[in-house]
Amino acid sequence: MARLDGKVAIITGATGGIGEATAQLFLSEGAKVMLVGRSAEKLSALLERVGHEDSVAHHVADATDEAATRDAVAATVEAFGGVDILFANAGIEGAMKPLHHLTVEEFDQVLQTNVVGVWLSVKHCVGPLRERGGGSIVATTSRVGLVGLSGASAYVASKHAVCGFVKTAALELAESGIRVNAIAPGPIDNRMMRSLEEQRSPDDPDAMHEVIAGLIPMKRYGTNAEVAALALFLGSDESSFSTGAIFTLDGGSNAA
């Protein structure tokens, strides 16, 4: 029996590297999956790559748009009969610059997507999850949701907020059988880290990659597949006594 047989999952930020890897893994483990993202074109291309035509659907929704988020959840219930797992994964890195150089618009954009977006997806999944007798919510935060990082004040603030929200949501929803946890990745080898490397070192982003990797005890970046594997564990019944936790996935960086 596959680990997610009979489960219905919503994945926000589905067109990113982590979202796609998780969608592929969830589908291979028997789940029915609603892919949510803000680009219809990218979602259509993703549908072609993941296959599993009878077990996957998609809905266009910006994470900051409450009506679109509500509609995505409703579309999931209509297509698959309910919701068992929410992977609240949508997020942006924003501008990397000193805090006194950030504009209000730059700071707010990051918080709207990374914090308000997570809250909205959770808010609108609570009802369907309760109707199924409970389920699992997994949010993507970051290693820098636990520490600081110079030049990334908006992103760091947003990810700290996600950690606090996850712990509070876990307390509020425990009696409903809804578990709420977060994954805190360190550097992952994907587009977001490429963007951060290029912002940090526009003349030589490859050198910045090597510098960052050298600071990790395991001396490498993580992969989208490794994040997906942890999301699978947290979404499945195997993690039935885990809630309110922040699971680091950072090659040992948080232990240093």
C-alpha atoms as a PDB file:
ATOM      1  CA  MET A   1       0.000   0.000   0.000  1.00  0.00           C
ATOM      2  CA  ALA A   2       1.361   3.435  -0.949  1.00  0.00           C
ATOM      3  CA  ARG A   3       1.945   5.884   1.873  1.00  0.00           C
ATOM      4  CA  LEU A   4      -0.699   8.392   0.746  1.00  0.00           C
ATOM      5  CA  ASP A   5      -3.382   6.079  -0.629  1.00  0.00           C
ATOM      6  CA  GLY A   6      -6.782   7.729  -0.206  1.00  0.00           C
ATOM      7  CA  LYS A   7      -5.285  11.113   0.667  1.00  0.00           C
ATOM      8  CA  VAL A   8      -6.015  14.419  -1.074  1.00  0.00           C
ATOM      9  CA  ALA A   9      -3.294  17.076  -1.002  1.00  0.00           C
ATOM     10  CA  ILE A  10      -3.107  20.737  -1.950  1.00  0.00           C
ATOM     11  CA  ILE A  11       0.331  22.075  -2.881  1.00  0.00           C
ATOM     12  CA  THR A  12       0.785  25.837  -3.160  1.00  0.00           C
ATOM     13  CA  GLY A  13       3.827  27.179  -4.930  1.00  0.00           C
ATOM     14  CA  ALA A  14       3.512  24.034  -7.015  1.00  0.00           C
ATOM     15  CA  THR A  15       5.470  25.305 -10.021  1.00  0.00           C
ATOM     16  CA  GLY A  16       8.668  25.887  -8.031  1.00  0.00           C
ATOM     17  CA  GLY A  17      11.341  23.235  -7.648  1.00  0.00           C
ATOM     18  CA  ILE A  18      10.222  22.066  -4.212  1.00  0.00           C
ATOM     19  CA  GLY A  19       6.555  22.146  -5.195  1.00  0.00           C
ATOM     20  CA  GLU A  20       7.095  20.064  -8.325  1.00  0.00           C
ATOM     21  CA  ALA A  21       9.277  17.489  -6.570  1.00  0.00           C
ATOM     22  CA  THR A  22       6.675  17.135  -3.835  1.00  0.00           C
ATOM     23  CA  ALA A  23       3.841  16.803  -6.330  1.00  0.00           C
ATOM     24  CA  GLN A  24       5.686  14.026  -8.146  1.00  0.00           C
ATOM     25  CA  LEU A  25       6.375  12.186  -4.888  1.00  0.00           C
ATOM     26  CA  PHE A  26       2.859  12.577  -3.475  1.00  0.00           C
ATOM     27  CA  LEU A  27       1.344  11.289  -6.715  1.00  0.00           C
ATOM     28  CA  SER A  28       3.709   8.327  -6.784  1.00  0.00           C
ATOM     29  CA  GLU A  29       2.607   7.498  -3.232  1.00  0.00           C
ATOM     30  CA  GLY A  30      -1.069   7.362  -4.159  1.00  0.00           C
ATOM     31  CA  ALA A  31      -2.341  10.862  -3.364  1.00  0.00           C
ATOM     32  CA  LYS A  32      -4.693  12.957  -5.425  1.00  0.00           C
ATOM     33  CA  VAL A  33      -3.098  16.393  -5.779  1.00  0.00           C
ATOM     34  CA  MET A  34      -4.311  19.915  -6.485  1.00  0.00           C
ATOM     35  CA  LEU A  35      -1.484  22.028  -7.883  1.00  0.00           C
ATOM     36  CA  VAL A  36      -1.832  25.715  -7.032  1.00  0.00           C
ATOM     37  CA  GLY A  37       0.276  28.511  -8.506  1.00  0.00           C
ATOM     38  CA  ARG A  38      -0.056  32.005  -9.901  1.00  0.00           C
ATOM     39  CA  SER A  39       0.970  31.224 -13.490  1.00  0.00           C
ATOM     40  CA  ALA A  40      -1.501  29.366 -15.693  1.00  0.00           C
ATOM     41  CA  GLU A  41       1.240  28.733 -18.243  1.00  0.00           C
ATOM     42  CA  LYS A  42       3.611  27.185 -15.704  1.00  0.00           C
ATOM     43  CA  LEU A  43       0.825  25.082 -14.204  1.00  0.00           C
ATOM     44  CA  SER A  44      -0.111  23.711 -17.612  1.00  0.00           C
ATOM     45  CA  ALA A  45       3.510  22.769 -18.293  1.00  0.00           C
ATOM     46  CA  LEU A  46       3.764  21.151 -14.857  1.00  0.00           C
ATOM     47  CA  LEU A  47       0.656  19.061 -15.504  1.00  0.00           C
ATOM     48  CA  GLU A  48       2.297  17.611 -18.596  1.00  0.00           C
ATOM     49  CA  ARG A  49       5.439  16.716 -16.668  1.00  0.00           C
ATOM     50  CA  VAL A  50       3.806  15.051 -13.669  1.00  0.00           C
ATOM     51  CA  GLY A  51       1.345  12.836 -15.558  1.00  0.00           C
ATOM     52  CA  HIS A  52      -1.141  10.894 -13.374  1.00  0.00           C
ATOM     53  CA  GLU A  53      -3.986  12.572 -15.285  1.00  0.00           C
ATOM     54  CA  ASP A  54      -6.762  11.044 -13.159  1.00  0.00           C
ATOM     55  CA  SER A  55      -5.161  12.051  -9.876  1.00  0.00           C
ATOM     56  CA  VAL A  56      -4.088  15.642 -10.467  1.00  0.00           C
ATOM     57  CA  ALA A  57      -5.778  18.975 -11.073  1.00  0.00           C
ATOM     58  CA  HIS A  58      -4.638  22.592 -11.016  1.00  0.00           C
ATOM     59  CA  HIS A  59      -5.954  25.986  -9.979  1.00  0.00           C
ATOM     60  CA  VAL A  60      -4.534  29.432 -10.628  1.00  0.00           C
ATOM     61  CA  ALA A  61      -4.270  31.485  -7.437  1.00  0.00           C
ATOM     62  CA  ASP A  62      -1.865  34.069  -6.104  1.00  0.00           C
ATOM     63  CA  ALA A  63      -1.041  33.199  -2.489  1.00  0.00           C
ATOM     64  CA  THR A  64      -2.011  36.701  -1.357  1.00  0.00           C
ATOM     65  CA  ASP A  65      -5.476  36.604  -2.957  1.00  0.00           C
ATOM     66  CA  GLU A  66      -8.016  35.351  -0.427  1.00  0.00           C
ATOM     67  CA  ALA A  67     -10.844  34.791  -2.908  1.00  0.00           C
ATOM     68  CA  ALA A  68      -8.592  32.823  -5.256  1.00  0.00           C
ATOM     69  CA  THR A  69      -7.217  30.773  -2.366  1.00  0.00           C
ATOM     70  CA  ARG A  70     -10.701  29.983  -1.108  1.00  0.00           C
ATOM     71  CA  ASP A  71     -11.718  28.979  -4.626  1.00  0.00           C
ATOM     72  CA  ALA A  72      -8.668  26.694  -4.954  1.00  0.00           C
ATOM     73  CA  VAL A  73      -9.676  24.839  -1.800  1.00  0.00           C
ATOM     74  CA  ALA A  74     -13.286  24.602  -2.964  1.00  0.00           C
ATOM     75  CA  ALA A  75     -12.119  23.284  -6.341  1.00  0.00           C
ATOM     76  CA  THR A  76     -10.113  20.587  -4.551  1.00  0.00           C
ATOM     77  CA  VAL A  77     -13.131  19.445  -2.568  1.00  0.00           C
ATOM     78  CA  GLU A  78     -15.240  19.409  -5.724  1.00  0.00           C
ATOM     79  CA  ALA A  79     -12.652  17.469  -7.741  1.00  0.00           C
ATOM     80  CA  PHE A  80     -11.497  14.961  -5.130  1.00  0.00           C
ATOM     81  CA  GLY A  81     -14.054  14.978  -2.321  1.00  0.00           C
ATOM     82  CA  GLY A  82     -12.069  16.653   0.448  1.00  0.00           C
ATOM     83  CA  VAL A  83      -8.675  17.726   1.759  1.00  0.00           C
ATOM     84  CA  ASP A  84      -6.296  15.693   3.926  1.00  0.00           C
ATOM     85  CA  ILE A  85      -2.965  17.463   3.412  1.00  0.00           C
ATOM     86  CA  LEU A  86      -2.004  21.078   2.802  1.00  0.00           C
ATOM     87  CA  PHE A  87       1.569  21.822   1.765  1.00  0.00           C
ATOM     88  CA  ALA A  88       1.707  25.614   2.156  1.00  0.00           C
ATOM     89  CA  ASN A  89       4.822  26.075   0.094  1.00  0.00           C
ATOM     90  CA  ALA A  90       4.341  29.325  -1.854  1.00  0.00           C
ATOM     91  CA  GLY A  91       7.046  31.876  -1.117  1.00  0.00           C
ATOM     92  CA  ILE A  92       9.417  34.442  -2.570  1.00  0.00           C
ATOM     93  CA  GLU A  93      12.932  35.526  -1.642  1.00  0.00           C
ATOM     94  CA  GLY A  94      12.509  39.243  -2.341  1.00  0.00           C
ATOM     95  CA  ALA A  95      15.302  41.771  -2.599  1.00  0.00           C
ATOM     96  CA  MET A  96      18.644  41.136  -0.885  1.00  0.00           C
ATOM     97  CA  LYS A  97      19.831  44.521   0.353  1.00  0.00           C
ATOM     98  CA  PRO A  98      20.507  46.353   3.636  1.00  0.00           C
ATOM     99  CA  LEU A  99      17.332  46.925   5.623  1.00  0.00           C
ATOM    100  CA  HIS A 100      17.617  50.722   5.352  1.00  0.00           C
ATOM    101  CA  HIS A 101      17.650  50.447   1.555  1.00  0.00           C
ATOM    102  CA  LEU A 102      14.451  48.416   1.302  1.00  0.00           C
ATOM    103  CA  THR A 103      11.272  50.160   0.233  1.00  0.00           C
ATOM    104  CA  VAL A 104       7.989  49.612   2.026  1.00  0.00           C
ATOM    105  CA  GLU A 105       6.721  47.921  -1.124  1.00  0.00           C
ATOM    106  CA  GLU A 106       9.660  45.478  -1.213  1.00  0.00           C
ATOM    107  CA  PHE A 107       9.278  44.574   2.455  1.00  0.00           C
ATOM    108  CA  ASP A 108       5.519  44.236   2.256  1.00  0.00           C
ATOM    109  CA  GLN A 109       5.597  42.069  -0.877  1.00  0.00           C
ATOM    110  CA  VAL A 110       7.657  39.425   0.922  1.00  0.00           C
ATOM    111  CA  LEU A 111       5.471  39.425   4.027  1.00  0.00           C
ATOM    112  CA  GLN A 112       2.261  39.310   2.020  1.00  0.00           C
ATOM    113  CA  THR A 113       3.351  36.215   0.086  1.00  0.00           C
ATOM    114  CA  ASN A 114       5.319  34.370   2.752  1.00  0.00           C
ATOM    115  CA  VAL A 115       3.165  35.105   5.802  1.00  0.00           C
ATOM    116  CA  VAL A 116      -0.299  36.198   4.738  1.00  0.00           C
ATOM    117  CA  GLY A 117      -0.238  33.607   1.958  1.00  0.00           C
ATOM    118  CA  VAL A 118       0.457  30.782   4.405  1.00  0.00           C
ATOM    119  CA  TRP A 119      -2.236  32.016   6.775  1.00  0.00           C
ATOM    120  CA  LEU A 120      -4.838  32.235   3.989  1.00  0.00           C
ATOM    121  CA  SER A 121      -4.210  28.712   2.726  1.00  0.00           C
ATOM    122  CA  VAL A 122      -4.388  27.327   6.265  1.00  0.00           C
ATOM    123  CA  LYS A 123      -7.482  29.372   7.095  1.00  0.00           C
ATOM    124  CA  HIS A 124      -9.457  28.019   4.168  1.00  0.00           C
ATOM    125  CA  CYS A 125      -8.322  24.412   4.646  1.00  0.00           C
ATOM    126  CA  VAL A 126      -9.373  24.131   8.288  1.00  0.00           C
ATOM    127  CA  GLY A 127     -13.022  23.444   7.465  1.00  0.00           C
ATOM    128  CA  PRO A 128     -12.386  20.704   4.877  1.00  0.00           C
ATOM    129  CA  LEU A 129      -9.727  19.107   7.080  1.00  0.00           C
ATOM    130  CA  ARG A 130     -12.140  19.001  10.019  1.00  0.00           C
ATOM    131  CA  GLU A 131     -14.770  17.394   7.810  1.00  0.00           C
ATOM    132  CA  ARG A 132     -12.304  14.552   7.106  1.00  0.00           C
ATOM    133  CA  GLY A 133     -11.665  14.106  10.829  1.00  0.00           C
ATOM    134  CA  GLY A 134      -8.285  15.829  10.741  1.00  0.00           C
ATOM    135  CA  GLY A 135      -5.194  15.857   8.589  1.00  0.00           C
ATOM    136  CA  SER A 136      -1.804  17.433   8.137  1.00  0.00           C
ATOM    137  CA  ILE A 137      -0.649  20.956   7.338  1.00  0.00           C
ATOM    138  CA  VAL A 138       2.985  21.450   6.358  1.00  0.00           C
ATOM    139  CA  ALA A 139       4.394  24.936   5.806  1.00  0.00           C
ATOM    140  CA  THR A 140       7.691  25.830   4.208  1.00  0.00           C
ATOM    141  CA  THR A 141       9.746  28.168   6.366  1.00  0.00           C
ATOM    142  CA  SER A 142      13.569  28.345   6.243  1.00  0.00           C
ATOM    143  CA  ARG A 143      16.638  27.819   8.341  1.00  0.00           C
ATOM    144  CA  VAL A 144      16.743  31.620   8.572  1.00  0.00           C
ATOM    145  CA  GLY A 145      13.346  31.429  10.239  1.00  0.00           C
ATOM    146  CA  LEU A 146      15.396  30.360  13.274  1.00  0.00           C
ATOM    147  CA  VAL A 147      18.439  32.634  12.927  1.00  0.00           C
ATOM    148  CA  GLY A 148      19.342  35.926  11.265  1.00  0.00           C
ATOM    149  CA  LEU A 149      20.926  36.655   7.896  1.00  0.00           C
ATOM    150  CA  SER A 150      22.455  39.997   7.026  1.00  0.00           C
ATOM    151  CA  GLY A 151      20.906  41.596   3.965  1.00  0.00           C
ATOM    152  CA  ALA A 152      17.712  39.525   4.061  1.00  0.00           C
ATOM    153  CA  SER A 153      15.613  41.276   6.695  1.00  0.00           C
ATOM    154  CA  ALA A 154      12.257  40.944   4.928  1.00  0.00           C
ATOM    155  CA  TYR A 155      12.749  37.274   4.093  1.00  0.00           C
ATOM    156  CA  VAL A 156      14.069  36.444   7.573  1.00  0.00           C
ATOM    157  CA  ALA A 157      11.218  38.314   9.258  1.00  0.00           C
ATOM    158  CA  SER A 158       8.682  36.468   7.118  1.00  0.00           C
ATOM    159  CA  LYS A 159      10.122  33.051   7.884  1.00  0.00           C
ATOM    160  CA  HIS A 160      10.306  33.742  11.628  1.00  0.00           C
ATOM    161  CA  ALA A 161       6.634  34.682  11.414  1.00  0.00           C
ATOM    162  CA  VAL A 162       5.799  31.382   9.714  1.00  0.00           C
ATOM    163  CA  CYS A 163       7.478  29.470  12.551  1.00  0.00           C
ATOM    164  CA  GLY A 164       5.411  31.323  15.149  1.00  0.00           C
ATOM    165  CA  PHE A 165       2.233  30.880  13.163  1.00  0.00           C
ATOM    166  CA  VAL A 166       2.810  27.138  12.772  1.00  0.00           C
ATOM    167  CA  LYS A 167       3.270  26.668  16.516  1.00  0.00           C
ATOM    168  CA  THR A 168       0.128  28.661  17.292  1.00  0.00           C
ATOM    169  CA  ALA A 169      -1.938  26.899  14.633  1.00  0.00           C
ATOM    170  CA  ALA A 170      -0.790  23.539  16.005  1.00  0.00           C
ATOM    171  CA  LEU A 171      -2.151  24.457  19.430  1.00  0.00           C
ATOM    172  CA  GLU A 172      -5.432  25.763  18.066  1.00  0.00           C
ATOM    173  CA  LEU A 173      -6.100  22.818  15.776  1.00  0.00           C
ATOM    174  CA  ALA A 174      -4.790  19.854  17.789  1.00  0.00           C
ATOM    175  CA  GLU A 175      -8.197  18.939  19.220  1.00  0.00           C
ATOM    176  CA  SER A 176      -9.563  18.803  15.649  1.00  0.00           C
ATOM    177  CA  GLY A 177      -6.991  16.172  14.737  1.00  0.00           C
ATOM    178  CA  ILE A 178      -5.144  18.609  12.483  1.00  0.00           C
ATOM    179  CA  ARG A 179      -1.365  18.523  12.792  1.00  0.00           C
ATOM    180  CA  VAL A 180       0.657  21.589  11.783  1.00  0.00           C
ATOM    181  CA  ASN A 181       4.405  21.447  11.193  1.00  0.00           C
ATOM    182  CA  ALA A 182       7.017  23.332   9.211  1.00  0.00           C
ATOM    183  CA  ILE A 183      10.034  22.396   7.135  1.00  0.00           C
ATOM    184  CA  ALA A 184      13.014  24.733   7.519  1.00  0.00           C
ATOM    185  CA  PRO A 185      15.380  24.118   4.593  1.00  0.00           C
ATOM    186  CA  GLY A 186      18.868  25.450   4.408  1.00  0.00           C
ATOM    187  CA  PRO A 187      20.295  26.211   0.954  1.00  0.00           C
ATOM    188  CA  ILE A 188      18.535  24.061  -1.637  1.00  0.00           C
ATOM    189  CA  ASP A 189      19.856  23.671  -5.174  1.00  0.00           C
ATOM    190  CA  ASN A 190      17.068  25.451  -7.058  1.00  0.00           C
ATOM    191  CA  ARG A 191      16.003  28.728  -8.659  1.00  0.00           C
ATOM    192  CA  MET A 192      15.553  30.631  -5.405  1.00  0.00           C
ATOM    193  CA  MET A 193      19.122  29.977  -4.309  1.00  0.00           C
ATOM    194  CA  ARG A 194      20.370  30.941  -7.777  1.00  0.00           C
ATOM    195  CA  SER A 195      18.586  34.263  -7.326  1.00  0.00           C
ATOM    196  CA  LEU A 196      20.146  34.815  -3.912  1.00  0.00           C
ATOM    197  CA  GLU A 197      23.612  33.918  -5.212  1.00  0.00           C
ATOM    198  CA  GLU A 198      23.220  36.344  -8.097  1.00  0.00           C
ATOM    199  CA  GLN A 199      22.025  39.120  -5.799  1.00  0.00           C
ATOM    200  CA  ARG A 200      24.886  38.522  -3.374  1.00  0.00           C
ATOM    201  CA  SER A 201      27.573  38.211  -6.045  1.00  0.00           C
ATOM    202  CA  PRO A 202      26.330  39.381  -9.458  1.00  0.00           C
ATOM    203  CA  ASP A 203      29.812  39.149 -10.987  1.00  0.00           C
ATOM    204  CA  ASP A 204      30.476  35.582  -9.847  1.00  0.00           C
ATOM    205  CA  PRO A 205      27.423  33.725  -8.474  1.00  0.00           C
ATOM    206  CA  ASP A 206      29.219  30.376  -8.828  1.00  0.00           C
ATOM    207  CA  ALA A 207      31.858  31.540  -6.377  1.00  0.00           C
ATOM    208  CA  MET A 208      29.103  32.541  -3.948  1.00  0.00           C
ATOM    209  CA  HIS A 209      27.619  29.059  -4.317  1.00  0.00           C
ATOM    210  CA  GLU A 210      30.931  27.535  -3.275  1.00  0.00           C
ATOM    211  CA  VAL A 211      31.256  29.906  -0.324  1.00  0.00           C
ATOM    212  CA  ILE A 212      27.788  29.067   0.959  1.00  0.00           C
ATOM    213  CA  ALA A 213      28.260  25.319   0.453  1.00  0.00           C
ATOM    214  CA  GLY A 214      31.543  25.506   2.357  1.00  0.00           C
ATOM    215  CA  LEU A 215      29.740  26.884   5.404  1.00  0.00           C
ATOM    216  CA  ILE A 216      27.409  23.889   5.590  1.00  0.00           C
ATOM    217  CA  PRO A 217      28.747  21.008   7.727  1.00  0.00           C
ATOM    218  CA  MET A 218      27.812  18.510   4.988  1.00  0.00           C
ATOM    219  CA  LYS A 219      29.558  20.761   2.410  1.00  0.00           C
ATOM    220  CA  ARG A 220      26.719  20.745  -0.123  1.00  0.00           C
ATOM    221  CA  TYR A 221      23.318  22.167  -0.890  1.00  0.00           C
ATOM    222  CA  GLY A 222      20.200  20.109  -0.314  1.00  0.00           C
ATOM    223  CA  THR A 223      17.908  19.011  -3.132  1.00  0.00           C
ATOM    224  CA  ASN A 224      14.258  19.548  -3.933  1.00  0.00           C
ATOM    225  CA  ALA A 225      13.776  15.782  -3.610  1.00  0.00           C
ATOM    226  CA  GLU A 226      15.105  15.822  -0.034  1.00  0.00           C
ATOM    227  CA  VAL A 227      12.595  18.503   0.934  1.00  0.00           C
ATOM    228  CA  ALA A 228       9.822  16.522  -0.764  1.00  0.00           C
ATOM    229  CA  ALA A 229      10.760  13.401   1.195  1.00  0.00           C
ATOM    230  CA  LEU A 230      10.336  15.265   4.480  1.00  0.00           C
ATOM    231  CA  ALA A 231       7.037  16.749   3.275  1.00  0.00           C
ATOM    232  CA  LEU A 232       5.881  13.201   2.514  1.00  0.00           C
ATOM    233  CA  PHE A 233       6.709  12.016   6.034  1.00  0.00           C
ATOM    234  CA  LEU A 234       4.930  14.987   7.618  1.00  0.00           C
ATOM    235  CA  GLY A 235       1.931  14.673   5.326  1.00  0.00           C
ATOM    236  CA  SER A 236       1.555  10.958   5.955  1.00  0.00           C
ATOM    237  CA  ASP A 237       0.169   9.133   8.984  1.00  0.00           C
ATOM    238  CA  GLU A 238       3.740   8.134   9.869  1.00  0.00           C
ATOM    239  CA  SER A 239       4.108  11.487  11.654  1.00  0.00           C
ATOM    240  CA  SER A 240       0.840  11.104  13.568  1.00  0.00           C
ATOM    241  CA  PHE A 241       2.255  12.386  16.899  1.00  0.00           C
ATOM    242  CA  SER A 242       4.206  15.299  15.411  1.00  0.00           C
ATOM    243  CA  THR A 243       2.699  18.771  15.580  1.00  0.00           C
ATOM    244  CA  GLY A 244       3.948  22.272  16.294  1.00  0.00           C
ATOM    245  CA  ALA A 245       7.482  21.356  15.218  1.00  0.00           C
ATOM    246  CA  ILE A 246      10.013  23.025  12.963  1.00  0.00           C
ATOM    247  CA  PHE A 247      11.970  20.343  11.095  1.00  0.00           C
ATOM    248  CA  THR A 248      15.335  21.627   9.903  1.00  0.00           C
ATOM    249  CA  LEU A 249      16.743  20.296   6.651  1.00  0.00           C
ATOM    250  CA  ASP A 250      20.046  22.116   6.405  1.00  0.00           C
ATOM    251  CA  GLY A 251      22.983  19.707   6.328  1.00  0.00           C
ATOM    252  CA  GLY A 252      23.756  20.401   9.986  1.00  0.00           C
ATOM    253  CA  SER A 253      23.959  24.187   9.768  1.00  0.00           C
ATOM    254  CA  ASN A 254      21.594  24.815  12.654  1.00  0.00           C
ATOM    255  CA  ALA A 255      23.703  22.589  14.906  1.00  0.00           C
ATOM    256  CA  ALA A 256      26.834  24.644  14.385  1.00  0.00           C
END
